[in-house]
Amino acid sequence: MANPNTPIGLKAVRDAGSGKETGGLNLYYHPASDATALYIGDPVVKNGSADAAGVPGCVRAVAAGPITGVVEGFVPDGVTDKAGFGAASTAFYVLVRDDPSELFEIQENTGIAAADIGLNANMTIGSGSSYTRRSGVTLDATTKATTATLALKMIGLSPKPKNDFGAYNKVLVRINNHTESAASAGIA
């Protein structure tokens, strides 16, 4: 059976280690000067700025990274919380899962095989949906390689029913090109 094409960006699954999950959410500030909307599941990167209180700024990451973390939610402000996403060119606060050892589930776009597990790949940055309030980011399987600077490391298939190797499967990944840890080469 074919896998459904339903991208949701990056969805936190669990910590890669055997220790207790701590939540790993931190507060970031999205400046009004950024003309990109943010959705739950979008990868973000620190932008080298902060708000007046010193909360670090972030913007959506590009396909190749680097990545600081993944949007998990928004701080209620009367607008963002009602919309369910952060509008472009709007200042708001976002909760980001930024633990370098976190594992995420992401849909890939063209198909991977068992031999691809352990390789790295970049993302395809798709538009988020104001209806589902989820990211449109997917794993770009056409970029899979051992290259250490690629954004994500494929750990395995997400263990769920009807998730087979082939197009649109859900893959467990770790952020490889992370701003807070060293990147590593993929395993061929």
C-alpha atoms as a PDB file:
ATOM      1  CA  MET A   1       0.000   0.000   0.000  1.00  0.00           C
ATOM      2  CA  ALA A   2       1.298   3.462  -0.845  1.00  0.00           C
ATOM      3  CA  ASN A   3       2.200   5.873   1.936  1.00  0.00           C
ATOM      4  CA  PRO A   4      -0.060   8.958   2.144  1.00  0.00           C
ATOM      5  CA  ASN A   5       1.393  12.352   1.167  1.00  0.00           C
ATOM      6  CA  THR A   6       0.688  14.324   4.374  1.00  0.00           C
ATOM      7  CA  PRO A   7       3.688  16.473   5.372  1.00  0.00           C
ATOM      8  CA  ILE A   8       3.652  17.968   8.875  1.00  0.00           C
ATOM      9  CA  GLY A   9       7.215  19.210   9.195  1.00  0.00           C
ATOM     10  CA  LEU A  10       9.303  17.827  12.039  1.00  0.00           C
ATOM     11  CA  LYS A  11       7.388  16.180  14.906  1.00  0.00           C
ATOM     12  CA  ALA A  12       9.247  15.469  18.165  1.00  0.00           C
ATOM     13  CA  VAL A  13       9.206  11.759  19.005  1.00  0.00           C
ATOM     14  CA  ARG A  14      11.687  11.167  21.823  1.00  0.00           C
ATOM     15  CA  ASP A  15      15.182  11.852  23.078  1.00  0.00           C
ATOM     16  CA  ALA A  16      17.829   9.771  21.319  1.00  0.00           C
ATOM     17  CA  GLY A  17      19.402   8.702  24.611  1.00  0.00           C
ATOM     18  CA  SER A  18      18.070   6.360  27.248  1.00  0.00           C
ATOM     19  CA  GLY A  19      17.611   9.118  29.838  1.00  0.00           C
ATOM     20  CA  LYS A  20      14.351  10.671  30.936  1.00  0.00           C
ATOM     21  CA  GLU A  21      12.740  13.123  28.484  1.00  0.00           C
ATOM     22  CA  THR A  22      12.932  16.633  29.953  1.00  0.00           C
ATOM     23  CA  GLY A  23      10.729  18.511  27.535  1.00  0.00           C
ATOM     24  CA  GLY A  24      13.550  20.481  25.956  1.00  0.00           C
ATOM     25  CA  LEU A  25      11.446  23.576  25.154  1.00  0.00           C
ATOM     26  CA  ASN A  26      12.947  27.039  25.204  1.00  0.00           C
ATOM     27  CA  LEU A  27      11.543  30.466  24.466  1.00  0.00           C
ATOM     28  CA  TYR A  28      12.615  32.332  21.312  1.00  0.00           C
ATOM     29  CA  TYR A  29      11.541  35.614  19.743  1.00  0.00           C
ATOM     30  CA  HIS A  30      10.459  35.942  16.104  1.00  0.00           C
ATOM     31  CA  PRO A  31      11.075  39.537  14.939  1.00  0.00           C
ATOM     32  CA  ALA A  32       8.583  41.514  12.848  1.00  0.00           C
ATOM     33  CA  SER A  33      11.414  42.157  10.384  1.00  0.00           C
ATOM     34  CA  ASP A  34      11.222  38.514   9.196  1.00  0.00           C
ATOM     35  CA  ALA A  35       8.777  38.089   6.316  1.00  0.00           C
ATOM     36  CA  THR A  36       8.309  34.325   6.836  1.00  0.00           C
ATOM     37  CA  ALA A  37       5.416  32.773   8.767  1.00  0.00           C
ATOM     38  CA  LEU A  38       6.170  29.996  11.277  1.00  0.00           C
ATOM     39  CA  TYR A  39       4.109  26.853  11.805  1.00  0.00           C
ATOM     40  CA  ILE A  40       4.325  23.967  14.276  1.00  0.00           C
ATOM     41  CA  GLY A  41       6.981  21.603  12.937  1.00  0.00           C
ATOM     42  CA  ASP A  42       9.047  24.279  11.182  1.00  0.00           C
ATOM     43  CA  PRO A  43      12.814  24.131  11.744  1.00  0.00           C
ATOM     44  CA  VAL A  44      14.235  27.410  13.069  1.00  0.00           C
ATOM     45  CA  VAL A  45      17.683  28.897  13.523  1.00  0.00           C
ATOM     46  CA  LYS A  46      18.976  31.611  15.838  1.00  0.00           C
ATOM     47  CA  ASN A  47      19.286  34.871  13.924  1.00  0.00           C
ATOM     48  CA  GLY A  48      21.963  36.615  15.982  1.00  0.00           C
ATOM     49  CA  SER A  49      19.577  39.016  17.715  1.00  0.00           C
ATOM     50  CA  ALA A  50      17.363  39.174  20.793  1.00  0.00           C
ATOM     51  CA  ASP A  51      14.385  41.103  22.110  1.00  0.00           C
ATOM     52  CA  ALA A  52      14.738  43.861  24.743  1.00  0.00           C
ATOM     53  CA  ALA A  53      14.635  41.238  27.541  1.00  0.00           C
ATOM     54  CA  GLY A  54      17.426  39.172  25.981  1.00  0.00           C
ATOM     55  CA  VAL A  55      15.243  36.364  24.576  1.00  0.00           C
ATOM     56  CA  PRO A  56      17.158  34.996  21.551  1.00  0.00           C
ATOM     57  CA  GLY A  57      15.704  35.649  18.122  1.00  0.00           C
ATOM     58  CA  CYS A  58      14.962  32.983  15.527  1.00  0.00           C
ATOM     59  CA  VAL A  59      13.749  32.653  11.940  1.00  0.00           C
ATOM     60  CA  ARG A  60      12.781  29.643   9.818  1.00  0.00           C
ATOM     61  CA  ALA A  61      15.837  27.615   8.796  1.00  0.00           C
ATOM     62  CA  VAL A  62      16.761  27.054   5.158  1.00  0.00           C
ATOM     63  CA  ALA A  63      16.788  23.638   3.462  1.00  0.00           C
ATOM     64  CA  ALA A  64      20.452  22.882   4.242  1.00  0.00           C
ATOM     65  CA  GLY A  65      20.408  24.198   7.823  1.00  0.00           C
ATOM     66  CA  PRO A  66      21.900  25.004  10.215  1.00  0.00           C
ATOM     67  CA  ILE A  67      19.020  24.351  12.614  1.00  0.00           C
ATOM     68  CA  THR A  68      18.640  25.362  16.263  1.00  0.00           C
ATOM     69  CA  GLY A  69      15.399  23.490  16.881  1.00  0.00           C
ATOM     70  CA  VAL A  70      11.805  22.891  15.856  1.00  0.00           C
ATOM     71  CA  VAL A  71       8.681  24.981  16.573  1.00  0.00           C
ATOM     72  CA  GLU A  72       6.520  23.213  19.138  1.00  0.00           C
ATOM     73  CA  GLY A  73       4.070  26.020  19.929  1.00  0.00           C
ATOM     74  CA  PHE A  74       3.473  29.716  20.434  1.00  0.00           C
ATOM     75  CA  VAL A  75       3.159  31.903  23.518  1.00  0.00           C
ATOM     76  CA  PRO A  76      -0.440  33.147  23.804  1.00  0.00           C
ATOM     77  CA  ASP A  77      -0.669  36.796  22.768  1.00  0.00           C
ATOM     78  CA  GLY A  78      -4.287  37.091  21.622  1.00  0.00           C
ATOM     79  CA  VAL A  79      -3.364  36.788  17.929  1.00  0.00           C
ATOM     80  CA  THR A  80      -0.854  33.985  17.360  1.00  0.00           C
ATOM     81  CA  ASP A  81      -2.634  31.586  19.718  1.00  0.00           C
ATOM     82  CA  LYS A  82      -5.971  32.120  17.937  1.00  0.00           C
ATOM     83  CA  ALA A  83      -4.442  31.697  14.474  1.00  0.00           C
ATOM     84  CA  GLY A  84      -2.372  28.671  15.520  1.00  0.00           C
ATOM     85  CA  PHE A  85       0.679  29.890  13.607  1.00  0.00           C
ATOM     86  CA  GLY A  86       2.993  32.895  13.593  1.00  0.00           C
ATOM     87  CA  ALA A  87       2.187  35.302  10.770  1.00  0.00           C
ATOM     88  CA  ALA A  88       4.903  36.732   8.524  1.00  0.00           C
ATOM     89  CA  SER A  89       6.239  40.193   9.407  1.00  0.00           C
ATOM     90  CA  THR A  90       4.835  39.873  12.941  1.00  0.00           C
ATOM     91  CA  ALA A  91       6.681  39.833  16.259  1.00  0.00           C
ATOM     92  CA  PHE A  92       5.786  36.899  18.520  1.00  0.00           C
ATOM     93  CA  TYR A  93       7.279  34.384  20.938  1.00  0.00           C
ATOM     94  CA  VAL A  94       7.718  30.766  19.980  1.00  0.00           C
ATOM     95  CA  LEU A  95       8.460  27.596  21.955  1.00  0.00           C
ATOM     96  CA  VAL A  96      11.275  25.653  20.329  1.00  0.00           C
ATOM     97  CA  ARG A  97      12.401  22.067  20.971  1.00  0.00           C
ATOM     98  CA  ASP A  98      16.157  22.682  20.749  1.00  0.00           C
ATOM     99  CA  ASP A  99      17.805  19.642  22.391  1.00  0.00           C
ATOM    100  CA  PRO A 100      20.481  18.359  19.946  1.00  0.00           C
ATOM    101  CA  SER A 101      19.722  14.742  20.886  1.00  0.00           C
ATOM    102  CA  GLU A 102      15.970  14.917  20.161  1.00  0.00           C
ATOM    103  CA  LEU A 103      14.566  12.594  17.503  1.00  0.00           C
ATOM    104  CA  PHE A 104      11.894  13.835  15.109  1.00  0.00           C
ATOM    105  CA  GLU A 105       9.543  12.237  12.627  1.00  0.00           C
ATOM    106  CA  ILE A 106       9.375  13.788   9.165  1.00  0.00           C
ATOM    107  CA  GLN A 107       7.837  12.778   5.854  1.00  0.00           C
ATOM    108  CA  GLU A 108      10.282  12.278   3.027  1.00  0.00           C
ATOM    109  CA  ASN A 109       9.456  13.250  -0.532  1.00  0.00           C
ATOM    110  CA  THR A 110      10.604  10.651  -3.088  1.00  0.00           C
ATOM    111  CA  GLY A 111      11.414   7.378  -1.374  1.00  0.00           C
ATOM    112  CA  ILE A 112      14.229   5.878   0.667  1.00  0.00           C
ATOM    113  CA  ALA A 113      15.437   2.291   1.036  1.00  0.00           C
ATOM    114  CA  ALA A 114      16.751   0.356   4.024  1.00  0.00           C
ATOM    115  CA  ALA A 115      20.304   1.020   2.791  1.00  0.00           C
ATOM    116  CA  ASP A 116      19.724   4.779   3.189  1.00  0.00           C
ATOM    117  CA  ILE A 117      19.317   4.614   6.981  1.00  0.00           C
ATOM    118  CA  GLY A 118      22.319   6.343   8.562  1.00  0.00           C
ATOM    119  CA  LEU A 119      22.768   8.805   5.695  1.00  0.00           C
ATOM    120  CA  ASN A 120      22.227  12.551   5.989  1.00  0.00           C
ATOM    121  CA  ALA A 121      19.867  14.673   3.878  1.00  0.00           C
ATOM    122  CA  ASN A 122      18.593  18.229   3.551  1.00  0.00           C
ATOM    123  CA  MET A 123      14.984  19.379   3.717  1.00  0.00           C
ATOM    124  CA  THR A 124      12.511  20.729   1.222  1.00  0.00           C
ATOM    125  CA  ILE A 125      10.960  23.875   2.686  1.00  0.00           C
ATOM    126  CA  GLY A 126       7.269  23.724   1.763  1.00  0.00           C
ATOM    127  CA  SER A 127       4.636  26.261   2.756  1.00  0.00           C
ATOM    128  CA  GLY A 128       2.819  25.719   6.027  1.00  0.00           C
ATOM    129  CA  SER A 129      -0.959  25.383   6.167  1.00  0.00           C
ATOM    130  CA  SER A 130      -3.132  27.933   7.968  1.00  0.00           C
ATOM    131  CA  TYR A 131      -5.844  25.220   7.985  1.00  0.00           C
ATOM    132  CA  THR A 132      -3.865  22.397   9.651  1.00  0.00           C
ATOM    133  CA  ARG A 133      -1.471  24.864  11.327  1.00  0.00           C
ATOM    134  CA  ARG A 134       1.363  22.499  10.482  1.00  0.00           C
ATOM    135  CA  SER A 135       4.616  22.926   8.596  1.00  0.00           C
ATOM    136  CA  GLY A 136       5.045  21.828   4.992  1.00  0.00           C
ATOM    137  CA  VAL A 137       8.713  20.878   5.476  1.00  0.00           C
ATOM    138  CA  THR A 138       9.769  17.414   4.235  1.00  0.00           C
ATOM    139  CA  LEU A 139      13.012  15.450   4.051  1.00  0.00           C
ATOM    140  CA  ASP A 140      14.582  15.807   0.595  1.00  0.00           C
ATOM    141  CA  ALA A 141      15.583  12.214  -0.188  1.00  0.00           C
ATOM    142  CA  THR A 142      17.277  13.345  -3.412  1.00  0.00           C
ATOM    143  CA  THR A 143      20.064  14.926  -1.304  1.00  0.00           C
ATOM    144  CA  LYS A 144      20.917  11.796   0.768  1.00  0.00           C
ATOM    145  CA  ALA A 145      24.676  11.364   1.223  1.00  0.00           C
ATOM    146  CA  THR A 146      27.375  10.933   3.853  1.00  0.00           C
ATOM    147  CA  THR A 147      28.167  14.679   3.746  1.00  0.00           C
ATOM    148  CA  ALA A 148      28.529  15.965   7.329  1.00  0.00           C
ATOM    149  CA  THR A 149      26.976  19.385   6.667  1.00  0.00           C
ATOM    150  CA  LEU A 150      23.561  18.079   5.528  1.00  0.00           C
ATOM    151  CA  ALA A 151      20.689  19.136   7.804  1.00  0.00           C
ATOM    152  CA  LEU A 152      19.214  15.830   9.047  1.00  0.00           C
ATOM    153  CA  LYS A 153      20.502  12.318   9.852  1.00  0.00           C
ATOM    154  CA  MET A 154      18.133   9.436   9.013  1.00  0.00           C
ATOM    155  CA  ILE A 155      17.865   7.114  12.037  1.00  0.00           C
ATOM    156  CA  GLY A 156      15.163   4.709  10.796  1.00  0.00           C
ATOM    157  CA  LEU A 157      11.552   4.438   9.689  1.00  0.00           C
ATOM    158  CA  SER A 158       8.990   5.666  12.178  1.00  0.00           C
ATOM    159  CA  PRO A 159       7.546   2.516  13.793  1.00  0.00           C
ATOM    160  CA  LYS A 160       3.912   2.871  12.794  1.00  0.00           C
ATOM    161  CA  PRO A 161       1.464   0.792  10.770  1.00  0.00           C
ATOM    162  CA  LYS A 162       1.372   1.266   6.990  1.00  0.00           C
ATOM    163  CA  ASN A 163       4.705   3.095   6.912  1.00  0.00           C
ATOM    164  CA  ASP A 164       6.740   1.269   4.299  1.00  0.00           C
ATOM    165  CA  PHE A 165       9.938   2.085   2.443  1.00  0.00           C
ATOM    166  CA  GLY A 166       8.991   4.146  -0.599  1.00  0.00           C
ATOM    167  CA  ALA A 167       7.676   7.618  -1.356  1.00  0.00           C
ATOM    168  CA  TYR A 168       6.158   9.673   1.467  1.00  0.00           C
ATOM    169  CA  ASN A 169       7.200   7.424   4.326  1.00  0.00           C
ATOM    170  CA  LYS A 170       7.736   8.835   7.796  1.00  0.00           C
ATOM    171  CA  VAL A 171      11.396   8.803   8.826  1.00  0.00           C
ATOM    172  CA  LEU A 172      12.979   9.212  12.265  1.00  0.00           C
ATOM    173  CA  VAL A 173      15.716  11.854  12.080  1.00  0.00           C
ATOM    174  CA  ARG A 174      18.069  13.783  14.318  1.00  0.00           C
ATOM    175  CA  ILE A 175      19.136  17.325  13.489  1.00  0.00           C
ATOM    176  CA  ASN A 176      22.639  16.840  12.114  1.00  0.00           C
ATOM    177  CA  ASN A 177      23.586  20.430  11.241  1.00  0.00           C
ATOM    178  CA  HIS A 178      22.635  21.772  14.706  1.00  0.00           C
ATOM    179  CA  THR A 179      23.807  25.178  15.959  1.00  0.00           C
ATOM    180  CA  GLU A 180      24.484  23.720  19.417  1.00  0.00           C
ATOM    181  CA  SER A 181      26.427  20.544  18.523  1.00  0.00           C
ATOM    182  CA  ALA A 182      28.915  19.226  15.992  1.00  0.00           C
ATOM    183  CA  ALA A 183      27.658  17.700  12.730  1.00  0.00           C
ATOM    184  CA  SER A 184      28.714  14.184  11.769  1.00  0.00           C
ATOM    185  CA  ALA A 185      29.157  12.340   8.497  1.00  0.00           C
ATOM    186  CA  GLY A 186      26.483   9.885   7.438  1.00  0.00           C
ATOM    187  CA  ILE A 187      27.074   6.152   7.549  1.00  0.00           C
ATOM    188  CA  ALA A 188      27.029   4.395   4.186  1.00  0.00           C
END
